[in-house]
Amino acid sequence: MKWRIVRFPVYAVLLLMLLLLASGCSSWSSRGPASVPAASAGEEAASGLSGTIVMLTNRIDLIENGTFRDYADEFRKRYPEAHVEFEGLSNYATDILVRLSTKDTGDVLLLPVNLPAKELELFFEPLSGELAAQERFTTFATFGGKRYGLSTGTTTSGIVYNKKAFEQAGIEQVPQTLDEFYAACAKLKQAGIIPLYMNYGAVWPLREWGNNLVNYMTGNPDYLNDMVHEDSPWQIGNEWGQALGIARTMLAKGYVEEQLFSNSWEISKARLARGEAGMYLQGNWTIRQIMDAGASPEDIGFFPFPYDNHQVHYAALNPDWFMGVSRYSRNKELAMAWLEYFITETSYARDWGFLPAKGSHQPALQQYSEFLSYHPKLVEATVQTDAFIDLANRTKLSFWSGDYIQDVLAAPDLQKSFDQLNAKWKEARMSQQSVP
């Protein structure tokens, strides 16, 4: 078992990404993707699949606790001469861009969320028609009629909460409006419980308060994509102001953790499990992790985030990370077999709190039944367009890591912060439009 953690500053990653995309077309696009038949995970060991492949992942915890090793051991029963090793990246969204630039991508990996679709063929193998047909989210991980990745699960976002903490604070009903949500926070704080763990210091969880929230709270999954048509998308009076305004209110009223600048993600799970913290705004995938941190399943609940005072709210239905086979793999046939096995035969999605990748399958997560009992309007995500990704790259705004949201939340003047974002965005749009 091999893994290592790689960290690079965001500005360095952005520079490398620009160099990568600028040089990629000239150095690699002249070589079309190799045509490699996808091996079915149902073939007998006599198929001759053998060798060692490496899977890159963001789930360092599942490397450390042996879960991934257990999956690989089961896979090896089918292919005795096949070995799967794992390597974890602590900040996958940015770390993987550096790895792509050096072609050090292992054999199977998660597709970068900020890679333009037109660049997929430079780094990933196209999947067979049989594998591609299994994907629910048809607009993602595709280009030129070819699919390059499969989603590892389906997620939604909402409030994960500790029922015992609510009981201790005297909260008798799950809040269904924003005013009720603030009132619940006040009761939790009065009871000596951290109302909500924002994980400000970990940075990446802040995405829930920014682009993730604004992209579903209107019911329009193309909200971010539509920003490419605006010079000043950040406004106090629109969804950006509403979403980030809620987060700033939580900070101002002391409804979040005190040690803001510490990366206390692991600590926060244990505190929520013990009822020392009341809530998260996160995806359903965190529920299993909180139970693994010591919470009893019956003590953890899940409800849609009441971002306004209406009675009905939208909630996202998103794919989790997509997984594909590296173009630079030296054992693509084995890598394809492992990809199919991991997605279709392991218990990963069920065990770790994801909803089934296929909509026809029933979720094993009991908390999701509670979530649906509040009748949210589920908004199925669409892929971010290349135009949006290009503008985000030009503005150097790390939508996928959450850094800029941390800056906005810390800003003394929200309007001034929005003005600065709009100036960068407008300049990027002008430069984009000037390109022939």
Foldseek 3Di string as FASTA:
>chain_A
DDADEDDDDLVVLLVLLVVCVVCLCVPFVVDFFDDDAADALPDALVVVQADEWEEEDQPPVCVVVCVVVVLQVVSCVRHVRYYYHYYHYPQCLRVVSVCVSVVVHIWKYFDRQLDALVCLRSWFHFYDPVVLVVFDFNQPQDDPHTHFWHFQFKKKWFKKWFQVLLVLLVNDDDDQAPVVLVVSLVSSVVSQAQAEAQQLQQQQSCLLLAPQCLCPFVPHLCVLLVCLVDLQPDDCPDPRVLSLVSVLVCVVVRSYDDPNNDRCVVVVLLCRQVSSYTIYGGMQLCLLVSVVSPHDLVRIATAHHNSHGDREGEMEIEGHTIMGTTSPDPNNNVSSSSSCCSRPPDCVCQNRRGHRSDPVDGHPRPNVVVHCVSPYHYRYHHRRHPSSSQLCSQLSPCSNRRPLSSVCSPDPDNVVSSVVSSNSSNVSSVVVVPPD
